[in-house]
């Protein structure tokens, strides 16, 4: 929703395609609120990979990435 850009302090996308869509719909003055979720992961991984192509191990990898990034995000928000 368009109001999300004003209502929320942070809007995170899982990949560059979704981030691009958000940026196209977000007013320029609010685009500083947009980012990639894995920006919070300590490794240099930018996008959450699509787990469907790697079977069960792909889903485990995505879960691991998301858990680490979520923990780092929470620590950052608490600061």
Protein backbone atom coordinates (compact mmCIF):
# COMPACT_ATOMS: atom_id res chain seq x y z
CA UNK A 1 0.00 0.00 0.00
CA UNK A 2 1.16 3.50 -0.71
CA UNK A 3 0.63 4.49 2.92
CA UNK A 4 3.23 1.90 4.01
CA UNK A 5 6.00 4.16 2.77
CA UNK A 6 4.95 6.83 5.24
CA UNK A 7 3.81 4.57 8.06
CA UNK A 8 6.85 2.30 8.38
CA UNK A 9 10.41 3.28 9.24
CA UNK A 10 12.03 0.44 7.32
CA UNK A 11 10.87 -1.63 4.36
CA UNK A 12 13.14 -4.48 3.35
CA UNK A 13 13.11 -6.48 0.13
CA UNK A 14 14.48 -9.97 -0.34
CA UNK A 15 16.05 -9.30 -3.75
CA UNK A 16 16.95 -6.54 -6.18
CA UNK A 17 13.84 -7.08 -8.32
CA UNK A 18 11.54 -6.48 -5.35
CA UNK A 19 13.64 -3.52 -4.21
CA UNK A 20 13.37 -2.01 -7.67
CA UNK A 21 9.58 -2.36 -7.59
CA UNK A 22 9.45 -0.71 -4.19
CA UNK A 23 11.63 2.16 -5.40
CA UNK A 24 9.37 2.73 -8.40
CA UNK A 25 6.36 3.07 -6.13
CA UNK A 26 7.96 4.92 -3.24
CA UNK A 27 8.09 8.72 -3.16
CA UNK A 28 11.68 9.95 -3.62
CA UNK A 29 11.77 11.61 -0.21
CA UNK A 30 10.99 8.27 1.50
CA UNK A 31 13.32 5.96 -0.44
CA UNK A 32 15.87 6.11 2.36
CA UNK A 33 13.56 3.69 4.20
CA UNK A 34 14.07 0.97 1.57
CA UNK A 35 16.77 -1.66 1.57
CA UNK A 36 17.70 -5.28 1.18
CA UNK A 37 17.02 -7.65 4.07
CA UNK A 38 20.37 -9.41 3.76
CA UNK A 39 22.14 -6.06 4.12
CA UNK A 40 22.06 -7.05 7.79
CA UNK A 41 23.80 -10.38 7.20
CA UNK A 42 27.49 -10.22 8.16
CA UNK A 43 28.60 -11.92 4.92
CA UNK A 44 28.56 -10.18 1.56
CA UNK A 45 25.28 -11.69 0.41
CA UNK A 46 22.83 -9.25 -1.13
CA UNK A 47 19.81 -11.31 -2.09
CA UNK A 48 17.87 -14.13 -0.52
CA UNK A 49 18.37 -16.96 -3.02
CA UNK A 50 15.45 -18.86 -4.47
CA UNK A 51 15.40 -22.12 -2.49
CA UNK A 52 13.33 -24.13 -4.97
CA UNK A 53 16.25 -25.04 -7.21
CA UNK A 54 18.36 -26.68 -4.51
CA UNK A 55 15.78 -28.95 -2.91
CA UNK A 56 15.71 -29.31 0.86
CA UNK A 57 19.25 -27.95 1.25
CA UNK A 58 18.16 -24.74 -0.51
CA UNK A 59 15.43 -24.16 2.04
CA UNK A 60 17.83 -24.86 4.91
CA UNK A 61 20.34 -22.36 3.49
CA UNK A 62 17.69 -19.66 3.11
CA UNK A 63 16.45 -20.29 6.65
CA UNK A 64 20.01 -19.97 7.96
CA UNK A 65 20.58 -16.72 6.05
CA UNK A 66 17.30 -15.21 7.22
CA UNK A 67 17.87 -16.17 10.85
CA UNK A 68 21.33 -14.58 10.94
CA UNK A 69 20.10 -11.43 9.18
CA UNK A 70 17.06 -11.18 11.47
CA UNK A 71 19.26 -11.41 14.57
CA UNK A 72 21.54 -8.68 13.21
CA UNK A 73 18.56 -6.51 12.28
CA UNK A 74 17.13 -6.81 15.78
CA UNK A 75 20.49 -5.87 17.31
CA UNK A 76 20.68 -2.87 14.99
CA UNK A 77 17.16 -1.73 15.86
CA UNK A 78 17.82 -2.03 19.59
CA UNK A 79 20.80 0.36 19.35
